Amino acid sequence: MRFRIPAWEGIRKIGQSKLLSLTIFIPILGYMILFNEQIIHIFELSKDVFGDLAHEKKNLEESPSVSEDTKTRLFYFYFGFTFLGIGSLLYQVFCPNLIKEHGSDREFIREEVGLMTEKRFRLVSAFLDQEELASSIDLDDVIERYKKANNINIELRGKEKEAAATDLMLMQWQYENWSSPLVRGPIFFLYILGFLVLAIPSLEMFYKVLRAFLS
């Protein structure tokens, strides 16, 4: 189950969107925006372009009001953006900072390997050992290689330490990337659900435009 749910690295491609992060406010402020009297009529289809298709559920004898089609579209937009907003909120709260700051393991290692110190190496290795992420053999091997690097000539010491640090950082990345599957699952589901709901009025619009074009 753990590796069937998209990793944080994949979810990050959606969650880090600045535009999508604004949807966090939709569950709180969305109804004030989408259902504002001044904005509602923006969602009305043009009668001049679509004719009766734009008002097929509206009684034209009544005073001007919001058609049922427009109300339905507003609900689709509201719930779609709300699902995306809840997903974005959960992403911001639960996604590991390491994943937020670095888009891939290569980027993480390239930017951070030069900052690896003896103390940081010990802290990371102790953390991974406690979490039992990697097999003890692999982790012990990396730790042993890092320690032995202190006993070789200075010309090779830096390269050996960097190689061991790179392997350790890769283990750290994998742990963070696949952590919290019970949270990643709902976030991914909310993103997919939100986009699907938002796609419904777009598909309906496509159908009506096509119908108007062919009529």
C-alpha atoms as a PDB file:
ATOM      1  CA  MET A   1       0.000   0.000   0.000  1.00  0.00           C
ATOM      2  CA  ARG A   2       2.778   2.411   0.919  1.00  0.00           C
ATOM      3  CA  PHE A   3       4.414   2.571  -2.506  1.00  0.00           C
ATOM      4  CA  ARG A   4       1.167   2.636  -4.481  1.00  0.00           C
ATOM      5  CA  ILE A   5       0.303   6.091  -3.198  1.00  0.00           C
ATOM      6  CA  PRO A   6       2.211   8.861  -5.014  1.00  0.00           C
ATOM      7  CA  ALA A   7       5.277  10.025  -3.117  1.00  0.00           C
ATOM      8  CA  TRP A   8       5.639  13.556  -1.766  1.00  0.00           C
ATOM      9  CA  GLU A   9       7.887  14.348  -4.730  1.00  0.00           C
ATOM     10  CA  GLY A  10       4.975  13.758  -7.103  1.00  0.00           C
ATOM     11  CA  ILE A  11       2.412  15.554  -4.953  1.00  0.00           C
ATOM     12  CA  ARG A  12       4.836  18.472  -4.632  1.00  0.00           C
ATOM     13  CA  LYS A  13       4.466  19.248  -8.343  1.00  0.00           C
ATOM     14  CA  ILE A  14       0.886  20.243  -7.595  1.00  0.00           C
ATOM     15  CA  GLY A  15       1.208  21.411  -4.005  1.00  0.00           C
ATOM     16  CA  GLN A  16       4.007  23.913  -4.644  1.00  0.00           C
ATOM     17  CA  SER A  17       1.941  25.820  -7.204  1.00  0.00           C
ATOM     18  CA  LYS A  18       1.528  29.390  -5.946  1.00  0.00           C
ATOM     19  CA  LEU A  19      -1.789  29.680  -7.744  1.00  0.00           C
ATOM     20  CA  LEU A  20      -3.100  26.484  -6.208  1.00  0.00           C
ATOM     21  CA  SER A  21      -1.939  27.537  -2.735  1.00  0.00           C
ATOM     22  CA  LEU A  22      -4.431  30.416  -2.902  1.00  0.00           C
ATOM     23  CA  THR A  23      -7.265  27.878  -2.884  1.00  0.00           C
ATOM     24  CA  ILE A  24      -6.519  27.327   0.815  1.00  0.00           C
ATOM     25  CA  PHE A  25      -8.758  30.327   1.498  1.00  0.00           C
ATOM     26  CA  ILE A  26     -11.672  29.020  -0.578  1.00  0.00           C
ATOM     27  CA  PRO A  27     -13.246  26.871   2.191  1.00  0.00           C
ATOM     28  CA  ILE A  28     -13.381  30.026   4.356  1.00  0.00           C
ATOM     29  CA  LEU A  29     -13.876  32.876   1.898  1.00  0.00           C
ATOM     30  CA  GLY A  30     -15.090  31.030  -1.202  1.00  0.00           C
ATOM     31  CA  TYR A  31     -18.779  31.530  -0.607  1.00  0.00           C
ATOM     32  CA  MET A  32     -18.203  35.275  -0.136  1.00  0.00           C
ATOM     33  CA  ILE A  33     -16.457  35.452  -3.528  1.00  0.00           C
ATOM     34  CA  LEU A  34     -18.267  32.973  -5.750  1.00  0.00           C
ATOM     35  CA  PHE A  35     -21.737  33.779  -4.455  1.00  0.00           C
ATOM     36  CA  ASN A  36     -21.266  37.538  -4.459  1.00  0.00           C
ATOM     37  CA  GLU A  37     -24.084  39.304  -6.309  1.00  0.00           C
ATOM     38  CA  GLN A  38     -21.599  41.238  -8.453  1.00  0.00           C
ATOM     39  CA  ILE A  39     -19.725  38.093  -9.516  1.00  0.00           C
ATOM     40  CA  ILE A  40     -22.550  35.614 -10.043  1.00  0.00           C
ATOM     41  CA  HIS A  41     -23.583  37.069 -13.393  1.00  0.00           C
ATOM     42  CA  ILE A  42     -20.064  36.572 -14.755  1.00  0.00           C
ATOM     43  CA  PHE A  43     -20.903  32.876 -14.856  1.00  0.00           C
ATOM     44  CA  GLU A  44     -24.010  33.452 -16.975  1.00  0.00           C
ATOM     45  CA  LEU A  45     -23.648  32.362 -20.598  1.00  0.00           C
ATOM     46  CA  SER A  46     -24.208  35.027 -23.196  1.00  0.00           C
ATOM     47  CA  LYS A  47     -27.753  34.870 -24.560  1.00  0.00           C
ATOM     48  CA  ASP A  48     -26.605  36.597 -27.750  1.00  0.00           C
ATOM     49  CA  VAL A  49     -24.117  33.795 -28.434  1.00  0.00           C
ATOM     50  CA  PHE A  50     -25.919  30.759 -27.082  1.00  0.00           C
ATOM     51  CA  GLY A  51     -29.531  31.837 -27.369  1.00  0.00           C
ATOM     52  CA  ASP A  52     -31.918  29.632 -25.438  1.00  0.00           C
ATOM     53  CA  LEU A  53     -29.070  27.262 -24.537  1.00  0.00           C
ATOM     54  CA  ALA A  54     -27.859  29.820 -22.041  1.00  0.00           C
ATOM     55  CA  HIS A  55     -31.217  30.011 -20.314  1.00  0.00           C
ATOM     56  CA  GLU A  56     -32.794  26.669 -20.921  1.00  0.00           C
ATOM     57  CA  LYS A  57     -33.673  26.247 -17.249  1.00  0.00           C
ATOM     58  CA  LYS A  58     -34.696  29.838 -16.642  1.00  0.00           C
ATOM     59  CA  ASN A  59     -38.194  31.260 -16.910  1.00  0.00           C
ATOM     60  CA  LEU A  60     -37.745  34.246 -19.192  1.00  0.00           C
ATOM     61  CA  GLU A  61     -41.095  35.726 -18.132  1.00  0.00           C
ATOM     62  CA  GLU A  62     -39.784  36.249 -14.634  1.00  0.00           C
ATOM     63  CA  SER A  63     -37.682  39.220 -13.614  1.00  0.00           C
ATOM     64  CA  PRO A  64     -33.939  38.757 -14.305  1.00  0.00           C
ATOM     65  CA  SER A  65     -32.453  36.265 -11.887  1.00  0.00           C
ATOM     66  CA  VAL A  66     -29.734  33.652 -11.753  1.00  0.00           C
ATOM     67  CA  SER A  67     -30.471  30.619 -13.905  1.00  0.00           C
ATOM     68  CA  GLU A  68     -30.316  27.089 -12.578  1.00  0.00           C
ATOM     69  CA  ASP A  69     -27.384  26.373 -14.917  1.00  0.00           C
ATOM     70  CA  THR A  70     -25.413  29.228 -13.427  1.00  0.00           C
ATOM     71  CA  LYS A  71     -26.145  28.066  -9.887  1.00  0.00           C
ATOM     72  CA  THR A  72     -24.971  24.583 -10.803  1.00  0.00           C
ATOM     73  CA  ARG A  73     -21.744  25.940 -12.288  1.00  0.00           C
ATOM     74  CA  LEU A  74     -21.113  27.988  -9.153  1.00  0.00           C
ATOM     75  CA  PHE A  75     -21.557  24.918  -6.983  1.00  0.00           C
ATOM     76  CA  TYR A  76     -19.108  22.980  -9.154  1.00  0.00           C
ATOM     77  CA  PHE A  77     -16.546  25.761  -8.855  1.00  0.00           C
ATOM     78  CA  TYR A  78     -17.101  26.121  -5.115  1.00  0.00           C
ATOM     79  CA  PHE A  79     -16.766  22.437  -4.284  1.00  0.00           C
ATOM     80  CA  GLY A  80     -13.919  21.914  -6.777  1.00  0.00           C
ATOM     81  CA  PHE A  81     -11.849  24.745  -5.337  1.00  0.00           C
ATOM     82  CA  THR A  82     -12.783  23.698  -1.800  1.00  0.00           C
ATOM     83  CA  PHE A  83     -11.415  20.180  -2.366  1.00  0.00           C
ATOM     84  CA  LEU A  84      -8.224  21.684  -3.822  1.00  0.00           C
ATOM     85  CA  GLY A  85      -8.001  24.106  -0.906  1.00  0.00           C
ATOM     86  CA  ILE A  86      -8.288  21.387   1.728  1.00  0.00           C
ATOM     87  CA  GLY A  87      -5.698  19.319  -0.143  1.00  0.00           C
ATOM     88  CA  SER A  88      -3.343  22.301  -0.327  1.00  0.00           C
ATOM     89  CA  LEU A  89      -3.773  23.002   3.373  1.00  0.00           C
ATOM     90  CA  LEU A  90      -2.955  19.405   4.287  1.00  0.00           C
ATOM     91  CA  TYR A  91       0.050  19.516   1.945  1.00  0.00           C
ATOM     92  CA  GLN A  92       1.442  22.645   3.585  1.00  0.00           C
ATOM     93  CA  VAL A  93       0.998  21.157   7.057  1.00  0.00           C
ATOM     94  CA  PHE A  94       2.242  17.608   6.502  1.00  0.00           C
ATOM     95  CA  CYS A  95       4.681  17.661   3.580  1.00  0.00           C
ATOM     96  CA  PRO A  96       8.269  17.373   4.931  1.00  0.00           C
ATOM     97  CA  ASN A  97      10.243  20.614   4.649  1.00  0.00           C
ATOM     98  CA  LEU A  98      13.028  18.737   2.900  1.00  0.00           C
ATOM     99  CA  ILE A  99      10.669  17.881   0.027  1.00  0.00           C
ATOM    100  CA  LYS A 100       9.204  21.387  -0.106  1.00  0.00           C
ATOM    101  CA  GLU A 101      12.660  22.938  -0.394  1.00  0.00           C
ATOM    102  CA  HIS A 102      14.109  20.467  -2.916  1.00  0.00           C
ATOM    103  CA  GLY A 103      12.311  19.156  -5.982  1.00  0.00           C
ATOM    104  CA  SER A 104      14.337  15.952  -6.321  1.00  0.00           C
ATOM    105  CA  ASP A 105      16.990  13.852  -4.613  1.00  0.00           C
ATOM    106  CA  ARG A 106      19.584  15.161  -7.086  1.00  0.00           C
ATOM    107  CA  GLU A 107      18.760  18.747  -6.220  1.00  0.00           C
ATOM    108  CA  PHE A 108      18.849  17.960  -2.505  1.00  0.00           C
ATOM    109  CA  ILE A 109      22.237  16.274  -2.697  1.00  0.00           C
ATOM    110  CA  ARG A 110      23.731  18.887  -5.030  1.00  0.00           C
ATOM    111  CA  GLU A 111      22.744  21.769  -2.756  1.00  0.00           C
ATOM    112  CA  GLU A 112      23.298  20.154   0.645  1.00  0.00           C
ATOM    113  CA  VAL A 113      26.171  17.671   0.374  1.00  0.00           C
ATOM    114  CA  GLY A 114      28.726  20.449   0.755  1.00  0.00           C
ATOM    115  CA  LEU A 115      27.115  21.414   4.062  1.00  0.00           C
ATOM    116  CA  MET A 116      27.454  17.943   5.576  1.00  0.00           C
ATOM    117  CA  THR A 117      29.441  18.106   8.825  1.00  0.00           C
ATOM    118  CA  GLU A 118      30.486  15.400  11.263  1.00  0.00           C
ATOM    119  CA  LYS A 119      27.698  16.414  13.639  1.00  0.00           C
ATOM    120  CA  ARG A 120      25.049  16.502  10.923  1.00  0.00           C
ATOM    121  CA  PHE A 121      26.176  13.110   9.630  1.00  0.00           C
ATOM    122  CA  ARG A 122      25.810  11.622  13.105  1.00  0.00           C
ATOM    123  CA  LEU A 123      22.365  13.169  13.614  1.00  0.00           C
ATOM    124  CA  VAL A 124      21.010  11.981  10.259  1.00  0.00           C
ATOM    125  CA  SER A 125      22.441   8.484  10.600  1.00  0.00           C
ATOM    126  CA  ALA A 126      21.082   8.188  14.145  1.00  0.00           C
ATOM    127  CA  PHE A 127      17.656   9.323  12.944  1.00  0.00           C
ATOM    128  CA  LEU A 128      17.581   6.831  10.089  1.00  0.00           C
ATOM    129  CA  ASP A 129      18.772   4.047  12.349  1.00  0.00           C
ATOM    130  CA  GLN A 130      16.000   4.843  14.817  1.00  0.00           C
ATOM    131  CA  GLU A 131      13.361   4.933  12.068  1.00  0.00           C
ATOM    132  CA  GLU A 132      14.692   1.675  10.610  1.00  0.00           C
ATOM    133  CA  LEU A 133      14.304   3.018   7.099  1.00  0.00           C
ATOM    134  CA  ALA A 134      17.254   1.364   5.459  1.00  0.00           C
ATOM    135  CA  SER A 135      18.609  -2.056   6.182  1.00  0.00           C
ATOM    136  CA  SER A 136      21.079  -1.962   9.034  1.00  0.00           C
ATOM    137  CA  ILE A 137      23.727  -3.405   6.718  1.00  0.00           C
ATOM    138  CA  ASP A 138      23.486  -0.534   4.227  1.00  0.00           C
ATOM    139  CA  LEU A 139      23.389   2.139   6.910  1.00  0.00           C
ATOM    140  CA  ASP A 140      26.225   0.597   8.906  1.00  0.00           C
ATOM    141  CA  ASP A 141      28.284   0.377   5.734  1.00  0.00           C
ATOM    142  CA  VAL A 142      27.797   4.080   4.992  1.00  0.00           C
ATOM    143  CA  ILE A 143      28.692   5.034   8.557  1.00  0.00           C
ATOM    144  CA  GLU A 144      31.790   2.826   8.497  1.00  0.00           C
ATOM    145  CA  ARG A 145      32.959   4.299   5.188  1.00  0.00           C
ATOM    146  CA  TYR A 146      32.565   7.817   6.565  1.00  0.00           C
ATOM    147  CA  LYS A 147      34.602   6.969   9.663  1.00  0.00           C
ATOM    148  CA  LYS A 148      37.358   5.243   7.696  1.00  0.00           C
ATOM    149  CA  ALA A 149      37.717   8.317   5.491  1.00  0.00           C
ATOM    150  CA  ASN A 150      39.389  10.062   8.425  1.00  0.00           C
ATOM    151  CA  ASN A 151      42.254   7.543   8.287  1.00  0.00           C
ATOM    152  CA  ILE A 152      43.190   7.929   4.626  1.00  0.00           C
ATOM    153  CA  ASN A 153      45.348  10.577   3.008  1.00  0.00           C
ATOM    154  CA  ILE A 154      43.913  14.058   2.797  1.00  0.00           C
ATOM    155  CA  GLU A 155      43.633  13.996  -1.010  1.00  0.00           C
ATOM    156  CA  LEU A 156      41.109  11.143  -0.968  1.00  0.00           C
ATOM    157  CA  ARG A 157      39.461  11.954   2.340  1.00  0.00           C
ATOM    158  CA  GLY A 158      37.116  14.596   0.941  1.00  0.00           C
ATOM    159  CA  LYS A 159      35.915  12.404  -1.925  1.00  0.00           C
ATOM    160  CA  GLU A 160      35.311   9.406   0.321  1.00  0.00           C
ATOM    161  CA  LYS A 161      33.394  11.464   2.853  1.00  0.00           C
ATOM    162  CA  GLU A 162      31.332  13.073   0.134  1.00  0.00           C
ATOM    163  CA  ALA A 163      30.489   9.676  -1.360  1.00  0.00           C
ATOM    164  CA  ALA A 164      29.366   8.334   2.024  1.00  0.00           C
ATOM    165  CA  ALA A 165      27.428  11.528   2.752  1.00  0.00           C
ATOM    166  CA  THR A 166      25.708  11.275  -0.639  1.00  0.00           C
ATOM    167  CA  ASP A 167      24.511   7.745   0.103  1.00  0.00           C
ATOM    168  CA  LEU A 168      23.266   8.812   3.526  1.00  0.00           C
ATOM    169  CA  MET A 169      21.410  11.792   2.101  1.00  0.00           C
ATOM    170  CA  LEU A 170      19.800   9.567  -0.513  1.00  0.00           C
ATOM    171  CA  MET A 171      18.497   7.335   2.272  1.00  0.00           C
ATOM    172  CA  GLN A 172      17.214  10.411   4.093  1.00  0.00           C
ATOM    173  CA  TRP A 173      15.457  11.630   0.960  1.00  0.00           C
ATOM    174  CA  GLN A 174      13.786   8.279   0.355  1.00  0.00           C
ATOM    175  CA  TYR A 175      12.540   8.171   3.929  1.00  0.00           C
ATOM    176  CA  GLU A 176      11.033  11.663   3.782  1.00  0.00           C
ATOM    177  CA  ASN A 177       9.675  11.142   0.258  1.00  0.00           C
ATOM    178  CA  TRP A 178       7.672   8.052   1.223  1.00  0.00           C
ATOM    179  CA  SER A 179       6.706   9.102   4.745  1.00  0.00           C
ATOM    180  CA  SER A 180       3.126   9.579   6.003  1.00  0.00           C
ATOM    181  CA  PRO A 181       1.237   7.440   3.468  1.00  0.00           C
ATOM    182  CA  LEU A 182      -2.011   7.898   5.428  1.00  0.00           C
ATOM    183  CA  VAL A 183      -1.780  11.630   4.748  1.00  0.00           C
ATOM    184  CA  ARG A 184      -0.446  11.490   1.197  1.00  0.00           C
ATOM    185  CA  GLY A 185      -3.383   9.348   0.117  1.00  0.00           C
ATOM    186  CA  PRO A 186      -6.144  11.802   1.121  1.00  0.00           C
ATOM    187  CA  ILE A 187      -4.186  14.773  -0.270  1.00  0.00           C
ATOM    188  CA  PHE A 188      -3.783  13.077  -3.640  1.00  0.00           C
ATOM    189  CA  PHE A 189      -7.465  12.070  -3.621  1.00  0.00           C
ATOM    190  CA  LEU A 190      -8.584  15.630  -2.828  1.00  0.00           C
ATOM    191  CA  TYR A 191      -6.460  17.033  -5.663  1.00  0.00           C
ATOM    192  CA  ILE A 192      -7.868  14.543  -8.161  1.00  0.00           C
ATOM    193  CA  LEU A 193     -11.431  15.048  -6.932  1.00  0.00           C
ATOM    194  CA  GLY A 194     -11.072  18.834  -7.081  1.00  0.00           C
ATOM    195  CA  PHE A 195      -9.786  18.824 -10.657  1.00  0.00           C
ATOM    196  CA  LEU A 196     -12.495  16.374 -11.744  1.00  0.00           C
ATOM    197  CA  VAL A 197     -15.259  18.507 -10.247  1.00  0.00           C
ATOM    198  CA  LEU A 198     -13.836  21.630 -11.907  1.00  0.00           C
ATOM    199  CA  ALA A 199     -13.684  19.784 -15.216  1.00  0.00           C
ATOM    200  CA  ILE A 200     -17.452  19.138 -15.227  1.00  0.00           C
ATOM    201  CA  PRO A 201     -18.557  22.728 -16.066  1.00  0.00           C
ATOM    202  CA  SER A 202     -15.758  22.913 -18.650  1.00  0.00           C
ATOM    203  CA  LEU A 203     -17.051  19.783 -20.360  1.00  0.00           C
ATOM    204  CA  GLU A 204     -20.596  21.107 -20.209  1.00  0.00           C
ATOM    205  CA  MET A 205     -19.402  24.371 -21.737  1.00  0.00           C
ATOM    206  CA  PHE A 206     -17.630  22.483 -24.509  1.00  0.00           C
ATOM    207  CA  TYR A 207     -20.835  20.589 -25.249  1.00  0.00           C
ATOM    208  CA  LYS A 208     -22.907  23.776 -25.386  1.00  0.00           C
ATOM    209  CA  VAL A 209     -20.395  25.600 -27.579  1.00  0.00           C
ATOM    210  CA  LEU A 210     -20.293  22.619 -29.921  1.00  0.00           C
ATOM    211  CA  ARG A 211     -24.067  22.406 -29.929  1.00  0.00           C
ATOM    212  CA  ALA A 212     -24.388  26.137 -30.661  1.00  0.00           C
ATOM    213  CA  PHE A 213     -21.800  25.865 -33.419  1.00  0.00           C
ATOM    214  CA  LEU A 214     -23.572  22.966 -35.118  1.00  0.00           C
ATOM    215  CA  SER A 215     -27.065  24.387 -34.756  1.00  0.00           C
END
